[in-house]
Amino acid sequence: MTFGVAVKIRELLLTCDQKTLNLDAEQSYVSFPGDSTKKMNSPSKSTTIPRVVKEEVIASGKWLKLEETTYVDPVGETRVWETVKRTTRQTNAADGVGIIALLKRTLHKDCVVMVKQFRPPIGCCTLEFPAGLIDSGENAETAALRELKEETGYKGEVVGVTPVTCLDPGLSNCTTQIVMVNINGDDMENTNPTQQLGDGEFVDVLLIPLDEFQKKIDDLIKKEKIVVDSKVYIYGMGMSQAFFKPNELRVLKQ
């Protein structure tokens, strides 16, 4: 290749690069040759710390209330949001607890204790972890053991507690703590558990093997009209990954 030809090719490549490199501020992205992705520019830094300035109750019932929340966004604009809140929240505590209870028995697979019940807002039955509100004077651990006994009849031991976590922050300020509980299934008290349900509570208890958790849930969805709580299904996906065997890895096509 002659020197003149090499120079010409270099000039053409530089021209192509300049045309391809797009720094148009209106499009707010930068694209590079051979890169099909669009990388967003960093937005301008906020000048205001978002904050709530007013909360006004629109409607209230026994358990829930609807509020109009006025807040200031990161660029200083005042906006309004509709927020659902519980009327039962205790001071400096989560609203409730969810319980991941593992039943351990000799010569049996470890099983997750689940509950199935009709939920009027959904209009059908749901599959959930045992759960309930934290009563006055309770902490998450005490509430979890009480709710587990009431809904399933099992007596367990707390082995872990999460921090306070949100449930549906686009709709509500409701919070929960997930409590991990181990149940000794060989204990006499747990060989024939008896529920302690309140008036109007109708709860079926299901035992789902831990190593087949997601598969069993998928089978249940196919057989019944049931909606699975998102926390339950995410837990199932995690368990599938945990029990995944490396020799089952599919060879990806090149």
Protein backbone atom coordinates (compact mmCIF):
# COMPACT_ATOMS: atom_id res chain seq x y z
CA MET A 1 0.00 0.00 0.00
CA THR A 2 1.44 3.37 -0.99
CA PHE A 3 1.83 6.16 1.53
CA GLY A 4 -0.74 8.34 -0.27
CA VAL A 5 -3.38 5.60 -0.22
CA ALA A 6 -2.76 4.98 3.51
CA VAL A 7 -3.22 8.68 4.28
CA LYS A 8 -6.47 8.77 2.28
CA ILE A 9 -7.86 5.75 4.15
CA ARG A 10 -6.96 7.34 7.49
CA GLU A 11 -8.79 10.55 6.50
CA LEU A 12 -11.89 8.56 5.54
CA LEU A 13 -11.87 6.69 8.86
CA LEU A 14 -11.58 9.92 10.81
CA THR A 15 -14.50 11.37 8.84
CA CYS A 16 -16.61 8.29 9.60
CA ASP A 17 -15.72 8.50 13.29
CA GLN A 18 -16.79 12.15 13.47
CA LYS A 19 -20.11 11.36 11.80
CA THR A 20 -20.76 8.35 14.03
CA LEU A 21 -19.84 9.99 17.32
CA ASN A 22 -23.11 11.68 18.20
CA LEU A 23 -23.02 14.36 20.86
CA ASP A 24 -26.38 15.93 20.06
CA ALA A 25 -27.65 17.34 23.34
CA GLU A 26 -31.28 16.91 22.27
CA GLN A 27 -30.81 13.14 21.98
CA SER A 28 -29.06 12.96 25.39
CA TYR A 29 -26.85 10.00 24.51
CA VAL A 30 -23.44 9.17 23.14
CA SER A 31 -22.97 6.39 20.57
CA PHE A 32 -19.66 5.00 19.43
CA PRO A 33 -18.68 3.09 16.26
CA GLY A 34 -19.63 -0.56 16.58
CA ASP A 35 -21.62 0.06 19.76
CA SER A 36 -25.36 -0.51 19.36
CA THR A 37 -26.15 0.64 22.89
CA LYS A 38 -27.10 4.17 23.83
CA LYS A 39 -25.46 5.57 26.91
CA MET A 40 -27.40 8.24 28.74
CA ASN A 41 -25.60 11.40 29.72
CA SER A 42 -25.63 12.17 33.43
CA PRO A 43 -28.52 14.50 34.23
CA SER A 44 -27.73 17.86 35.73
CA LYS A 45 -27.22 17.69 39.47
CA SER A 46 -30.24 18.32 41.64
CA THR A 47 -30.36 21.65 43.42
CA THR A 48 -33.12 20.64 45.85
CA ILE A 49 -33.42 17.78 48.33
CA PRO A 50 -36.80 16.06 47.69
CA ARG A 51 -39.12 16.39 50.66
CA VAL A 52 -42.75 16.05 51.70
CA VAL A 53 -44.30 19.39 52.66
CA LYS A 54 -47.92 18.46 53.40
CA GLU A 55 -50.11 15.40 53.92
CA GLU A 56 -53.88 15.78 53.77
CA VAL A 57 -56.33 12.94 54.52
CA ILE A 58 -58.86 12.49 51.70
CA ALA A 59 -60.65 9.42 53.06
CA SER A 60 -60.20 7.11 56.03
CA GLY A 61 -61.49 3.69 57.08
CA LYS A 62 -60.84 1.26 59.92
CA TRP A 63 -57.59 -0.10 58.50
CA LEU A 64 -56.54 2.26 55.70
CA LYS A 65 -56.55 5.92 54.77
CA LEU A 66 -56.00 7.80 51.51
CA GLU A 67 -53.88 10.94 51.64
CA GLU A 68 -52.92 13.66 49.20
CA THR A 69 -49.17 14.09 49.62
CA THR A 70 -47.62 17.38 48.51
CA TYR A 71 -43.89 17.20 47.93
CA VAL A 72 -40.99 19.05 46.33
CA ASP A 73 -39.07 17.15 43.63
CA PRO A 74 -35.27 17.29 42.97
CA VAL A 75 -35.56 20.33 40.68
CA GLY A 76 -37.70 22.34 43.08
CA GLU A 77 -41.13 21.67 41.52
CA THR A 78 -44.06 21.21 43.91
CA ARG A 79 -46.08 18.11 43.04
CA VAL A 80 -48.96 16.06 44.46
CA TRP A 81 -49.13 12.28 45.01
CA GLU A 82 -51.97 10.05 46.20
CA THR A 83 -50.76 7.82 49.04
CA VAL A 84 -52.35 4.88 50.86
CA LYS A 85 -51.40 4.39 54.51
CA ARG A 86 -52.36 1.99 57.28
CA THR A 87 -54.10 3.40 60.31
CA THR A 88 -52.55 0.73 62.54
CA ARG A 89 -48.84 1.63 62.34
CA GLN A 90 -47.00 1.56 65.65
CA THR A 91 -44.36 4.18 66.48
CA ASN A 92 -40.87 3.47 65.11
CA ALA A 93 -41.77 0.05 63.76
CA ALA A 94 -42.61 -1.69 60.51
CA ASP A 95 -46.29 -2.20 59.79
CA GLY A 96 -46.01 -5.96 59.76
CA VAL A 97 -43.94 -9.09 59.31
CA GLY A 98 -43.63 -11.82 56.71
CA ILE A 99 -42.39 -15.21 57.89
CA ILE A 100 -40.20 -17.59 55.89
CA ALA A 101 -40.68 -20.70 58.00
CA LEU A 102 -38.65 -23.83 57.26
CA LEU A 103 -40.07 -27.10 58.59
CA LYS A 104 -37.32 -29.61 59.38
CA ARG A 105 -38.24 -33.27 60.07
CA THR A 106 -36.25 -36.48 60.30
CA LEU A 107 -36.39 -38.52 57.06
CA HIS A 108 -38.31 -35.76 55.27
CA LYS A 109 -37.31 -33.02 52.90
CA ASP A 110 -37.11 -29.53 54.36
CA CYS A 111 -40.35 -27.72 53.51
CA VAL A 112 -41.38 -24.07 53.40
CA VAL A 113 -44.61 -23.44 55.31
CA MET A 114 -46.99 -21.46 53.08
CA VAL A 115 -50.53 -20.16 53.44
CA LYS A 116 -53.32 -19.98 50.88
CA GLN A 117 -56.31 -17.73 51.42
CA PHE A 118 -58.96 -15.76 49.56
CA ARG A 119 -58.05 -12.09 49.19
CA PRO A 120 -60.99 -9.82 48.31
CA PRO A 121 -58.87 -7.09 46.59
CA ILE A 122 -57.43 -9.73 44.22
CA GLY A 123 -60.75 -11.55 43.83
CA CYS A 124 -59.21 -15.01 44.20
CA CYS A 125 -56.91 -17.05 46.42
CA THR A 126 -53.28 -16.10 46.92
CA LEU A 127 -50.19 -18.06 47.90
CA GLU A 128 -48.20 -16.21 50.53
CA PHE A 129 -45.74 -16.52 53.35
CA PRO A 130 -47.48 -16.39 56.74
CA ALA A 131 -47.72 -12.71 57.69
CA GLY A 132 -49.45 -10.19 59.88
CA LEU A 133 -49.38 -6.79 61.55
CA ILE A 134 -47.09 -5.96 64.46
CA ASP A 135 -49.18 -5.29 67.58
CA SER A 136 -48.47 -2.61 70.14
CA GLY A 137 -45.53 -3.57 72.37
CA GLU A 138 -44.24 -6.23 69.96
CA ASN A 139 -41.02 -6.41 67.99
CA ALA A 140 -40.70 -8.19 64.65
CA GLU A 141 -39.53 -11.47 66.21
CA THR A 142 -42.40 -11.67 68.71
CA ALA A 143 -44.98 -10.77 66.07
CA ALA A 144 -43.61 -13.36 63.65
CA LEU A 145 -43.78 -16.24 66.15
CA ARG A 146 -47.32 -15.21 67.18
CA GLU A 147 -48.57 -14.94 63.59
CA LEU A 148 -46.93 -18.24 62.62
CA LYS A 149 -48.68 -20.00 65.51
CA GLU A 150 -52.04 -18.40 64.73
CA GLU A 151 -52.03 -19.00 60.97
CA THR A 152 -50.29 -22.40 60.77
CA GLY A 153 -50.25 -23.89 64.27
CA TYR A 154 -46.47 -24.31 64.19
CA LYS A 155 -44.10 -23.19 66.94
CA GLY A 156 -40.72 -22.04 65.67
CA GLU A 157 -37.42 -20.37 66.49
CA VAL A 158 -36.29 -17.09 64.92
CA VAL A 159 -32.96 -17.40 63.09
CA GLY A 160 -32.86 -14.12 61.17
CA VAL A 161 -34.60 -10.77 60.66
CA THR A 162 -34.30 -8.26 57.82
CA PRO A 163 -34.21 -4.49 58.26
CA VAL A 164 -37.43 -2.58 57.65
CA THR A 165 -38.27 -2.87 53.93
CA CYS A 166 -40.93 -1.25 51.75
CA LEU A 167 -43.68 -3.17 49.96
CA ASP A 168 -45.18 -0.99 47.22
CA PRO A 169 -43.56 2.47 47.53
CA GLY A 170 -45.34 3.88 44.49
CA LEU A 171 -48.68 3.33 46.21
CA SER A 172 -48.14 3.19 49.95
CA ASN A 173 -45.74 3.80 52.82
CA CYS A 174 -46.39 0.24 54.12
CA THR A 175 -43.31 -1.51 55.45
CA THR A 176 -42.43 -5.00 56.60
CA GLN A 177 -39.68 -7.08 58.13
CA ILE A 178 -39.08 -10.60 56.87
CA VAL A 179 -38.36 -13.04 59.67
CA MET A 180 -36.61 -16.36 59.09
CA VAL A 181 -37.90 -19.14 61.34
CA ASN A 182 -36.85 -22.77 61.77
CA ILE A 183 -39.47 -25.29 62.92
CA ASN A 184 -38.48 -28.54 64.61
CA GLY A 185 -40.99 -30.89 63.02
CA ASP A 186 -39.99 -33.72 65.37
CA ASP A 187 -41.17 -31.71 68.38
CA MET A 188 -44.42 -33.13 69.77
CA GLU A 189 -46.05 -29.68 69.56
CA ASN A 190 -45.37 -29.58 65.81
CA THR A 191 -46.39 -33.11 64.83
CA ASN A 192 -50.08 -32.20 64.82
CA PRO A 193 -50.23 -28.38 64.65
CA THR A 194 -53.52 -26.60 65.36
CA GLN A 195 -54.30 -23.17 63.91
CA GLN A 196 -55.56 -20.35 66.12
CA LEU A 197 -57.48 -18.35 63.53
CA GLY A 198 -59.56 -15.31 64.37
CA ASP A 199 -63.12 -14.58 63.27
CA GLY A 200 -63.35 -14.32 59.48
CA GLU A 201 -59.94 -15.92 58.87
CA PHE A 202 -59.85 -18.93 56.55
CA VAL A 203 -56.29 -20.10 55.90
CA ASP A 204 -55.05 -23.32 54.30
CA VAL A 205 -51.51 -24.43 55.14
CA LEU A 206 -49.29 -25.85 52.38
CA LEU A 207 -45.89 -27.51 52.82
CA ILE A 208 -43.68 -27.02 49.75
CA PRO A 209 -40.33 -28.87 49.48
CA LEU A 210 -37.47 -26.38 49.48
CA ASP A 211 -35.54 -28.08 46.68
CA GLU A 212 -38.60 -28.05 44.38
CA PHE A 213 -40.07 -24.77 45.52
CA GLN A 214 -40.47 -22.95 42.20
CA LYS A 215 -41.52 -26.09 40.31
CA LYS A 216 -44.26 -26.88 42.83
CA ILE A 217 -45.53 -23.30 42.67
CA ASP A 218 -45.60 -23.37 38.86
CA ASP A 219 -47.55 -26.65 39.03
CA LEU A 220 -50.02 -25.08 41.46
CA ILE A 221 -50.55 -22.07 39.18
CA LYS A 222 -51.41 -24.41 36.30
CA LYS A 223 -53.94 -26.36 38.36
CA GLU A 224 -55.68 -23.59 40.27
CA LYS A 225 -56.82 -20.01 39.88
CA ILE A 226 -54.32 -18.52 42.29
CA VAL A 227 -52.06 -15.46 42.41
CA VAL A 228 -48.62 -15.84 43.95
CA ASP A 229 -47.24 -13.10 46.18
CA SER A 230 -44.24 -11.51 44.42
CA LYS A 231 -41.99 -12.10 47.45
CA VAL A 232 -42.81 -15.80 47.30
CA TYR A 233 -41.99 -16.14 43.61
CA ILE A 234 -38.75 -14.18 43.92
CA TYR A 235 -37.76 -16.50 46.79
CA GLY A 236 -38.54 -19.46 44.54
CA MET A 237 -36.34 -18.10 41.77
CA GLY A 238 -33.53 -17.66 44.29
CA MET A 239 -33.92 -21.23 45.51
CA SER A 240 -33.81 -22.49 41.91
CA GLN A 241 -30.48 -20.75 41.49
CA ALA A 242 -29.22 -22.11 44.81
CA PHE A 243 -30.05 -25.72 43.86
CA PHE A 244 -28.83 -25.29 40.27
CA LYS A 245 -26.32 -27.97 39.21
CA PRO A 246 -23.36 -26.82 37.07
CA ASN A 247 -23.55 -29.94 34.86
CA GLU A 248 -27.04 -28.82 33.80
CA LEU A 249 -25.66 -25.66 32.19
CA ARG A 250 -26.77 -25.44 28.59
CA VAL A 251 -24.14 -24.77 25.97
CA LEU A 252 -24.78 -21.35 24.49
CA LYS A 253 -24.78 -21.03 20.73
CA GLN A 254 -21.84 -19.09 19.35
